[in-house]
Amino acid sequence: MISNQEQKGRLVEKCHMCKGESLAPILDLGHQPHSDHFPTKEQLNEHEERYPLRLVSCGDCGLLQIDYLVNPKILYQTDYLYQSAATTTTGNKHFKDMAHEVCTAHDILKGSLAVDIGSNVGALLHSFKEEGMRVLGVDPADVAKQAILNGIPTILDFFSTRIAKEIVEEHGKAHVITGTNAFAHLHEIDDAVLGMKTLLADDGVIAVEAPYVVDLIKELQYDTIYHQHVGYLSVKPMAAYFKRFGLELFGIKKSDYFGGSMRYYIGHEGKHVVSDDVSRYIEEESAFGLYSLPRLQKFADDVEQHRRDLTELLLKLKKEGKSIVAISAPAKGNTLLNYCNIDKTILNFITEKNQLKVGRFTPGTFIPIYDDARLLAEKPDYALLLAWNFATEIMKNMEAFKKGGGKFIIPIPHPKII
């Protein structure tokens, strides 16, 4: 029988990838609510569950991960409102460029099958479809139903070896398998990778993309740490992990997307020429100190200092009688708000483009969320950009706010006013 505690989540005592037991504590962000569960007004009086949010480092393979896994059914099948890049021009362009690059750089024939794991509303698959590919999504969340309505066939389930076999039987093998900001979310990762190997055509390509942990450390992007993100990826542990399954990390590509992302290209062992970039990045990661506990401890110390700096700035502005709101309500913003204890006594409200979140409240801090139009109607003095990774696009869209005398606060890596 499964205990009530196990239904909520479980403590992890081994590395998510190599299964090593040498996990060193790095950063404790406290007990935090599910960052993508935005309560309704009626739910504000209900008990809100909180879970440990701690970053640890594997002394064997070097993977950074969290050490408490919330039940994925809670994370993805209970009122999950996240909508990939569909709400940003930047995100849609990134997906369009990615689909084109994958197809052209790897000579993928039109009509080949592309499967996206964690496909959400189907934004990436829409771009593959435009490249002439057959497409199929796999995603357990309700928002994936929107992809089906948009003409993107989607299996509403968690990706697994079982699902992979069913796809092969019905659609044949895939020449492209993608996982953008989804691979690091996988709880049963071994089974999922075995599924990828089963599904992948002999000369096919797996393209995994995720925020790059070196940028997370260097740029103090600690708000990227939340319960959906199980692992924080880098080249060294990724190369070792796929090798265990007879797969090979043969290429990588760095981009500025999401504040710094890495795309990992994987194929069956020996089927692709391995780029020198793989070994070069592993050397650079070691030289940076990514696998060094003193460097990681400095990161933790810098995070604590950042909390002091940001809260002191906001409290100073409030004492001066200034009004402050926030723009955008991403999951990462909720890590920041809860860790820094920024609630509705500091922020009057938050505005959001995603209409699924409008009318809701932020988890843990219970700040009301309104449509973006509210910003221009009420004209506050300052707006905190929680989706700082899309700051350029947001500030351009909100140019009228600045022309009216408003100022933006960008919190990461160091609080600054624009």
Protein backbone atom coordinates (compact mmCIF):
# COMPACT_ATOMS: atom_id res chain seq x y z
CA MET A 1 0.00 0.00 0.00
CA ILE A 2 1.32 3.47 -0.90
CA SER A 3 1.55 5.83 2.07
CA ASN A 4 0.04 9.32 2.03
CA GLN A 5 3.55 10.76 2.08
CA GLU A 6 4.62 8.67 -0.93
CA GLN A 7 1.56 9.91 -2.80
CA LYS A 8 2.89 13.46 -2.34
CA GLY A 9 6.52 12.74 -3.19
CA ARG A 10 9.70 11.03 -2.10
CA LEU A 11 13.18 11.83 -0.84
CA VAL A 12 15.95 10.91 -3.28
CA GLU A 13 19.14 9.38 -1.86
CA LYS A 14 20.83 8.45 -5.17
CA CYS A 15 21.92 10.36 -8.26
CA HIS A 16 19.13 10.69 -10.79
CA MET A 17 21.44 9.57 -13.60
CA CYS A 18 24.41 7.47 -12.40
CA LYS A 19 22.67 6.16 -9.22
CA GLY A 20 25.71 7.14 -7.14
CA GLU A 21 25.07 7.72 -3.44
CA SER A 22 27.52 10.59 -2.92
CA LEU A 23 25.11 13.55 -2.87
CA ALA A 24 26.45 16.77 -1.33
CA PRO A 25 24.02 19.52 -0.23
CA ILE A 26 24.53 22.79 -2.11
CA LEU A 27 21.52 25.11 -1.74
CA ASP A 28 18.37 25.00 0.40
CA LEU A 29 15.52 27.14 -0.94
CA GLY A 30 13.17 26.10 1.87
CA HIS A 31 9.80 24.38 1.63
CA GLN A 32 8.01 25.68 -1.46
CA PRO A 33 4.62 25.10 -3.09
CA HIS A 34 4.20 23.57 -6.54
CA SER A 35 5.35 26.54 -8.63
CA ASP A 36 2.96 25.90 -11.52
CA HIS A 37 -0.19 25.52 -9.45
CA PHE A 38 -1.94 28.88 -9.39
CA PRO A 39 -4.83 28.77 -6.90
CA THR A 40 -8.25 30.19 -7.69
CA LYS A 41 -9.94 32.60 -5.30
CA GLU A 42 -11.98 29.69 -3.91
CA GLN A 43 -8.79 27.69 -3.21
CA LEU A 44 -7.12 30.42 -1.15
CA ASN A 45 -8.73 29.10 2.04
CA GLU A 46 -7.60 25.53 1.36
CA HIS A 47 -4.42 23.95 2.70
CA GLU A 48 -1.48 24.52 0.35
CA GLU A 49 1.07 21.73 0.30
CA ARG A 50 4.76 22.65 0.46
CA TYR A 51 7.73 20.45 -0.37
CA PRO A 52 11.50 20.61 0.30
CA LEU A 53 13.41 22.37 -2.48
CA ARG A 54 17.09 21.57 -2.16
CA LEU A 55 19.90 21.40 -4.72
CA VAL A 56 22.52 18.68 -4.33
CA SER A 57 25.60 17.65 -6.33
CA CYS A 58 26.57 14.10 -7.28
CA GLY A 59 30.18 13.41 -6.33
CA ASP A 60 30.39 10.62 -8.91
CA CYS A 61 29.09 12.03 -12.22
CA GLY A 62 28.73 15.70 -11.30
CA LEU A 63 24.99 16.07 -11.95
CA LEU A 64 23.19 18.81 -10.03
CA GLN A 65 19.68 17.78 -9.02
CA ILE A 66 17.00 18.29 -6.38
CA ASP A 67 16.68 15.69 -3.66
CA TYR A 68 12.90 15.58 -3.25
CA LEU A 69 10.63 14.50 -6.10
CA VAL A 70 7.00 15.61 -5.99
CA ASN A 71 4.59 13.05 -7.45
CA PRO A 72 4.48 13.87 -11.21
CA LYS A 73 0.70 13.45 -11.23
CA ILE A 74 0.56 16.43 -8.84
CA LEU A 75 2.99 18.41 -10.98
CA TYR A 76 1.49 17.79 -14.42
CA GLN A 77 -2.02 16.43 -14.08
CA THR A 78 -3.51 18.75 -11.48
CA ASP A 79 -4.51 22.06 -13.08
CA TYR A 80 -1.20 22.54 -14.93
CA LEU A 81 -1.26 25.90 -16.74
CA TYR A 82 2.17 26.21 -18.38
CA GLN A 83 2.12 26.91 -22.12
CA SER A 84 5.64 26.45 -23.58
CA ALA A 85 6.77 29.22 -25.92
CA ALA A 86 3.36 29.77 -27.43
CA THR A 87 2.93 33.08 -25.63
CA THR A 88 6.19 34.70 -26.83
CA THR A 89 7.50 35.72 -30.23
CA THR A 90 11.02 34.85 -29.04
CA GLY A 91 9.99 31.31 -28.14
CA ASN A 92 8.14 30.64 -31.36
CA LYS A 93 11.10 31.86 -33.42
CA HIS A 94 13.45 29.67 -31.39
CA PHE A 95 11.33 26.58 -32.07
CA LYS A 96 11.05 27.42 -35.76
CA ASP A 97 14.84 27.80 -36.05
CA MET A 98 15.43 24.61 -34.07
CA ALA A 99 13.18 22.51 -36.30
CA HIS A 100 14.86 23.86 -39.42
CA GLU A 101 18.37 23.26 -38.07
CA VAL A 102 17.64 19.71 -36.92
CA CYS A 103 16.20 18.76 -40.31
CA THR A 104 18.86 20.41 -42.48
CA ALA A 105 21.98 19.68 -40.40
CA HIS A 106 21.11 15.99 -40.11
CA ASP A 107 19.62 15.43 -43.57
CA ILE A 108 16.21 14.39 -42.24
CA LEU A 109 13.97 13.41 -45.14
CA LYS A 110 10.53 14.98 -45.48
CA GLY A 111 7.83 12.60 -44.30
CA SER A 112 10.03 11.23 -41.52
CA LEU A 113 8.54 10.99 -38.03
CA ALA A 114 9.35 13.60 -35.37
CA VAL A 115 8.27 12.83 -31.79
CA ASP A 116 8.36 15.52 -29.12
CA ILE A 117 8.45 14.44 -25.47
CA GLY A 118 6.71 16.97 -23.23
CA SER A 119 5.15 18.55 -26.31
CA ASN A 120 2.78 20.86 -24.39
CA VAL A 121 0.65 22.87 -26.86
CA GLY A 122 2.65 21.59 -29.83
CA ALA A 123 4.66 24.72 -30.68
CA LEU A 124 7.83 22.85 -31.67
CA LEU A 125 5.95 20.13 -33.55
CA HIS A 126 4.09 22.79 -35.52
CA SER A 127 7.49 23.95 -36.80
CA PHE A 128 8.53 20.38 -37.67
CA LYS A 129 5.24 20.00 -39.52
CA GLU A 130 6.14 23.08 -41.58
CA GLU A 131 9.42 21.31 -42.43
CA GLY A 132 7.39 18.50 -44.00
CA MET A 133 7.68 16.01 -41.16
CA ARG A 134 5.07 13.67 -39.73
CA VAL A 135 4.66 14.71 -36.10
CA LEU A 136 3.52 13.18 -32.82
CA GLY A 137 3.55 14.63 -29.32
CA VAL A 138 3.64 12.88 -25.95
CA ASP A 139 2.56 14.87 -22.89
CA PRO A 140 0.55 13.98 -19.76
CA ALA A 141 -0.83 17.47 -19.04
CA ASP A 142 -4.30 18.75 -19.92
CA VAL A 143 -2.83 21.69 -21.88
CA ALA A 144 -1.70 19.14 -24.49
CA LYS A 145 -5.34 18.83 -25.54
CA GLN A 146 -4.88 22.26 -27.11
CA ALA A 147 -2.25 20.76 -29.42
CA ILE A 148 -4.75 18.17 -30.62
CA LEU A 149 -7.26 20.94 -31.34
CA ASN A 150 -4.50 22.69 -33.32
CA GLY A 151 -3.94 19.64 -35.51
CA ILE A 152 -0.93 18.15 -33.68
CA PRO A 153 -1.61 14.47 -32.83
CA THR A 154 -0.66 13.90 -29.19
CA ILE A 155 -0.57 10.96 -26.79
CA LEU A 156 -1.81 12.19 -23.40
CA ASP A 157 0.55 10.21 -21.19
CA PHE A 158 4.03 10.16 -19.65
CA PHE A 159 6.66 8.98 -22.14
CA SER A 160 7.97 5.48 -21.39
CA THR A 161 9.33 2.35 -23.05
CA ARG A 162 5.74 1.08 -23.28
CA ILE A 163 4.63 4.22 -25.11
CA ALA A 164 7.68 4.02 -27.38
CA LYS A 165 6.81 0.47 -28.45
CA GLU A 166 3.23 1.49 -29.17
CA ILE A 167 4.46 4.37 -31.36
CA VAL A 168 6.82 2.11 -33.30
CA GLU A 169 4.02 -0.38 -33.90
CA GLU A 170 1.59 2.24 -35.18
CA HIS A 171 3.83 4.88 -36.79
CA GLY A 172 7.24 3.29 -37.31
CA LYS A 173 10.54 4.53 -35.88
CA ALA A 174 11.29 8.21 -35.39
CA HIS A 175 14.14 9.97 -37.16
CA VAL A 176 13.86 12.87 -34.74
CA ILE A 177 13.06 12.73 -31.02
CA THR A 178 13.03 16.03 -29.12
CA GLY A 179 12.70 17.09 -25.53
CA THR A 180 12.88 20.85 -24.96
CA ASN A 181 12.83 21.84 -21.30
CA ALA A 182 11.34 18.41 -20.66
CA PHE A 183 14.21 15.90 -20.38
CA ALA A 184 15.25 17.37 -17.03
CA HIS A 185 11.65 16.86 -15.84
CA LEU A 186 11.63 13.08 -16.28
CA HIS A 187 11.20 11.13 -13.05
CA GLU A 188 11.57 7.63 -14.52
CA ILE A 189 14.49 8.75 -16.65
CA ASP A 190 16.05 5.31 -17.29
CA ASP A 191 12.79 3.93 -18.66
CA ALA A 192 12.31 7.06 -20.78
CA VAL A 193 15.80 6.82 -22.31
CA LEU A 194 15.32 3.13 -23.05
CA GLY A 195 12.12 4.21 -24.76
CA MET A 196 14.00 6.78 -26.81
CA LYS A 197 16.50 4.13 -27.89
CA THR A 198 13.65 1.79 -28.84
CA LEU A 199 11.89 4.51 -30.82
CA LEU A 200 14.93 6.02 -32.57
CA ALA A 201 15.67 5.03 -36.16
CA ASP A 202 19.13 3.62 -36.85
CA ASP A 203 20.48 6.93 -38.19
CA GLY A 204 18.04 9.10 -36.21
CA VAL A 205 18.76 12.03 -33.91
CA ILE A 206 17.66 12.86 -30.37
CA ALA A 207 17.76 16.60 -29.58
CA VAL A 208 17.51 17.44 -25.89
CA GLU A 209 17.49 21.11 -24.90
CA ALA A 210 17.56 22.55 -21.39
CA PRO A 211 18.89 25.55 -19.45
CA TYR A 212 22.66 25.14 -19.11
CA VAL A 213 23.71 24.77 -15.50
CA VAL A 214 26.96 26.71 -15.98
CA ASP A 215 24.85 29.76 -16.83
CA LEU A 216 22.60 29.01 -13.86
CA ILE A 217 25.61 29.14 -11.53
CA LYS A 218 27.44 32.00 -13.24
CA GLU A 219 24.37 34.25 -13.60
CA LEU A 220 22.69 33.35 -10.28
CA GLN A 221 19.64 31.91 -12.03
CA TYR A 222 18.52 30.08 -8.89
CA ASP A 223 14.89 30.86 -9.67
CA THR A 224 15.20 28.19 -12.39
CA ILE A 225 15.29 25.63 -9.55
CA TYR A 226 11.81 24.25 -8.85
CA HIS A 227 10.16 20.87 -8.44
CA GLN A 228 9.44 20.25 -12.12
CA HIS A 229 13.17 20.49 -12.82
CA VAL A 230 14.65 17.29 -11.40
CA GLY A 231 18.13 17.66 -12.93
CA TYR A 232 20.24 20.67 -13.98
CA LEU A 233 22.11 19.53 -17.03
CA SER A 234 25.72 19.82 -18.15
CA VAL A 235 27.82 18.04 -20.77
CA LYS A 236 29.92 15.74 -18.57
CA PRO A 237 27.10 13.82 -16.83
CA MET A 238 24.99 13.78 -20.01
CA ALA A 239 27.78 12.15 -22.05
CA ALA A 240 28.38 9.49 -19.41
CA TYR A 241 24.69 8.82 -18.90
CA PHE A 242 23.76 8.16 -22.53
CA LYS A 243 26.82 5.95 -22.98
CA ARG A 244 25.31 3.53 -20.45
CA PHE A 245 22.46 2.88 -22.89
CA GLY A 246 24.55 2.41 -26.03
CA LEU A 247 23.75 5.94 -27.13
CA GLU A 248 26.26 8.67 -27.87
CA LEU A 249 26.34 12.40 -27.25
CA PHE A 250 27.86 13.53 -30.55
CA GLY A 251 27.07 17.23 -30.79
CA ILE A 252 26.11 20.24 -28.72
CA LYS A 253 24.93 23.76 -29.42
CA LYS A 254 24.89 26.66 -26.98
CA SER A 255 22.27 29.42 -27.23
CA ASP A 256 21.05 32.43 -25.23
CA TYR A 257 17.51 31.04 -25.04
CA PHE A 258 16.00 30.99 -21.54
CA GLY A 259 19.00 32.88 -20.19
CA GLY A 260 21.43 30.29 -21.56
CA SER A 261 20.51 26.86 -22.95
CA MET A 262 22.39 23.85 -24.26
CA ARG A 263 21.13 21.55 -26.98
CA TYR A 264 22.47 17.99 -26.82
CA TYR A 265 22.46 15.85 -29.97
CA ILE A 266 22.40 12.10 -29.27
CA GLY A 267 22.32 9.09 -31.58
CA HIS A 268 22.99 5.37 -31.61
CA GLU A 269 26.63 4.68 -30.78
CA GLY A 270 28.97 4.99 -33.76
CA LYS A 271 26.35 6.40 -36.14
CA HIS A 272 27.47 10.04 -36.03
CA VAL A 273 30.79 11.88 -36.01
CA VAL A 274 31.46 13.13 -32.47
CA SER A 275 32.23 16.86 -32.39
CA ASP A 276 35.32 18.14 -30.57
CA ASP A 277 32.93 20.53 -28.79
CA VAL A 278 31.86 17.71 -26.48
CA SER A 279 35.30 17.22 -24.89
CA ARG A 280 35.99 20.97 -25.00
CA TYR A 281 32.88 21.81 -23.00
CA ILE A 282 33.65 19.09 -20.45
CA GLU A 283 37.09 20.63 -19.92
CA GLU A 284 35.58 24.12 -19.62
CA GLU A 285 33.02 22.91 -17.08
CA SER A 286 35.78 21.49 -14.89
CA ALA A 287 37.89 24.63 -15.24
CA PHE A 288 34.86 26.74 -14.24
CA GLY A 289 34.51 24.71 -11.06
CA LEU A 290 31.15 23.13 -11.84
CA TYR A 291 32.25 19.91 -10.18
CA SER A 292 33.99 21.65 -7.28
CA LEU A 293 32.20 21.95 -3.93
CA PRO A 294 33.94 25.24 -2.97
CA ARG A 295 32.70 26.87 -6.21
CA LEU A 296 29.19 25.55 -5.65
CA GLN A 297 29.26 26.82 -2.06
CA LYS A 298 30.17 30.26 -3.36
CA PHE A 299 27.09 30.06 -5.57
CA ALA A 300 24.94 29.30 -2.51
CA ASP A 301 26.47 32.25 -0.64
CA ASP A 302 25.84 34.53 -3.63
CA VAL A 303 22.20 33.42 -3.74
CA GLU A 304 21.72 34.43 -0.10
CA GLN A 305 23.30 37.80 -0.83
CA HIS A 306 21.02 38.24 -3.84
CA ARG A 307 17.96 37.70 -1.63
CA ARG A 308 19.19 40.44 0.70
CA ASP A 309 19.92 42.83 -2.18
CA LEU A 310 16.56 42.33 -3.90
CA THR A 311 14.43 42.58 -0.79
CA GLU A 312 16.33 45.66 0.44
CA LEU A 313 15.71 47.38 -2.91
CA LEU A 314 11.99 46.59 -2.92
CA LEU A 315 11.50 47.57 0.73
CA LYS A 316 13.37 50.85 0.14
CA LEU A 317 11.05 51.70 -2.75
CA LYS A 318 7.97 50.86 -0.66
CA LYS A 319 9.20 53.11 2.17
CA GLU A 320 9.53 55.90 -0.38
CA GLY A 321 5.84 55.41 -1.16
CA LYS A 322 6.41 53.88 -4.58
CA SER A 323 3.95 51.37 -6.04
CA ILE A 324 5.41 48.10 -7.32
CA VAL A 325 3.85 45.33 -9.41
CA ALA A 326 5.31 42.41 -11.35
CA ILE A 327 5.03 41.46 -15.00
CA SER A 328 4.61 37.78 -15.92
CA ALA A 329 3.97 34.83 -13.61
CA PRO A 330 6.31 32.00 -14.67
CA ALA A 331 7.13 29.05 -12.42
CA LYS A 332 10.62 30.47 -11.87
CA GLY A 333 9.06 33.67 -10.57
CA ASN A 334 7.37 31.72 -7.80
CA THR A 335 10.69 30.26 -6.63
CA LEU A 336 12.01 33.83 -6.42
CA LEU A 337 8.93 35.23 -4.67
CA ASN A 338 8.75 32.47 -2.08
CA TYR A 339 12.48 32.32 -1.34
CA CYS A 340 12.71 36.11 -0.99
CA ASN A 341 9.39 36.38 0.91
CA ILE A 342 7.99 38.86 -1.62
CA ASP A 343 4.21 38.88 -1.18
CA LYS A 344 1.23 41.19 -1.72
CA THR A 345 2.51 43.59 0.94
CA ILE A 346 5.26 44.44 -1.56
CA LEU A 347 3.70 43.71 -4.97
CA ASN A 348 0.23 45.12 -5.57
CA PHE A 349 -0.48 42.61 -8.33
CA ILE A 350 1.06 40.71 -11.24
CA THR A 351 0.10 41.00 -14.89
CA GLU A 352 0.25 38.05 -17.29
CA LYS A 353 -0.22 37.34 -21.00
CA ASN A 354 -1.28 33.70 -20.47
CA GLN A 355 -5.05 33.98 -20.01
CA LEU A 356 -5.16 30.66 -18.13
CA LYS A 357 -3.38 32.37 -15.23
CA VAL A 358 -5.40 35.59 -15.27
CA GLY A 359 -7.80 35.66 -12.32
CA ARG A 360 -5.62 33.24 -10.33
CA PHE A 361 -3.10 33.88 -7.54
CA THR A 362 0.58 33.06 -7.18
CA PRO A 363 1.30 29.89 -5.16
CA GLY A 364 2.63 30.56 -1.67
CA THR A 365 2.53 34.35 -1.88
CA PHE A 366 -1.10 34.70 -3.10
CA ILE A 367 -0.56 37.80 -5.23
CA PRO A 368 -3.50 38.44 -7.63
CA ILE A 369 -2.83 38.01 -11.35
CA TYR A 370 -4.46 40.30 -13.90
CA ASP A 371 -4.30 40.83 -17.64
CA ASP A 372 -1.38 42.91 -18.94
CA ALA A 373 -3.79 45.78 -19.65
CA ARG A 374 -3.98 46.45 -15.90
CA LEU A 375 -0.39 47.71 -15.94
CA LEU A 376 -1.23 50.56 -18.30
CA ALA A 377 -4.51 51.31 -16.56
CA GLU A 378 -3.05 51.68 -13.05
CA LYS A 379 0.39 53.05 -14.00
CA PRO A 380 2.49 51.83 -11.04
CA ASP A 381 5.95 53.29 -10.46
CA TYR A 382 7.89 50.04 -10.88
CA ALA A 383 7.38 46.65 -12.52
CA LEU A 384 9.45 43.61 -11.49
CA LEU A 385 10.14 41.35 -14.50
CA LEU A 386 9.80 37.80 -13.22
CA ALA A 387 10.28 36.34 -16.72
CA TRP A 388 13.61 38.18 -16.98
CA ASN A 389 14.75 35.76 -19.70
CA PHE A 390 12.23 37.45 -22.03
CA ALA A 391 13.02 40.97 -20.73
CA THR A 392 13.81 42.48 -24.14
CA GLU A 393 10.52 41.34 -25.67
CA ILE A 394 8.46 42.24 -22.59
CA MET A 395 9.93 45.74 -22.29
CA LYS A 396 9.31 46.34 -25.99
CA ASN A 397 5.69 45.20 -25.61
CA MET A 398 5.30 47.42 -22.53
CA GLU A 399 7.00 50.48 -24.01
CA ALA A 400 3.92 52.58 -23.19
CA PHE A 401 4.48 51.82 -19.49
CA LYS A 402 7.99 53.27 -19.59
CA LYS A 403 6.89 56.27 -21.68
CA GLY A 404 4.34 56.96 -18.95
CA GLY A 405 7.11 57.21 -16.37
CA GLY A 406 7.24 53.59 -15.20
CA LYS A 407 10.49 51.75 -14.56
CA PHE A 408 11.41 48.09 -14.89
CA ILE A 409 13.26 46.06 -12.27
CA ILE A 410 15.24 43.11 -13.65
CA PRO A 411 16.07 40.78 -10.72
CA ILE A 412 18.60 38.35 -12.23
CA PRO A 413 21.60 38.14 -11.99
CA HIS A 414 21.70 41.30 -9.88
CA PRO A 415 18.74 43.64 -9.24
CA LYS A 416 18.83 46.63 -11.57
CA ILE A 417 16.38 49.36 -12.51
CA ILE A 418 15.82 50.30 -16.15
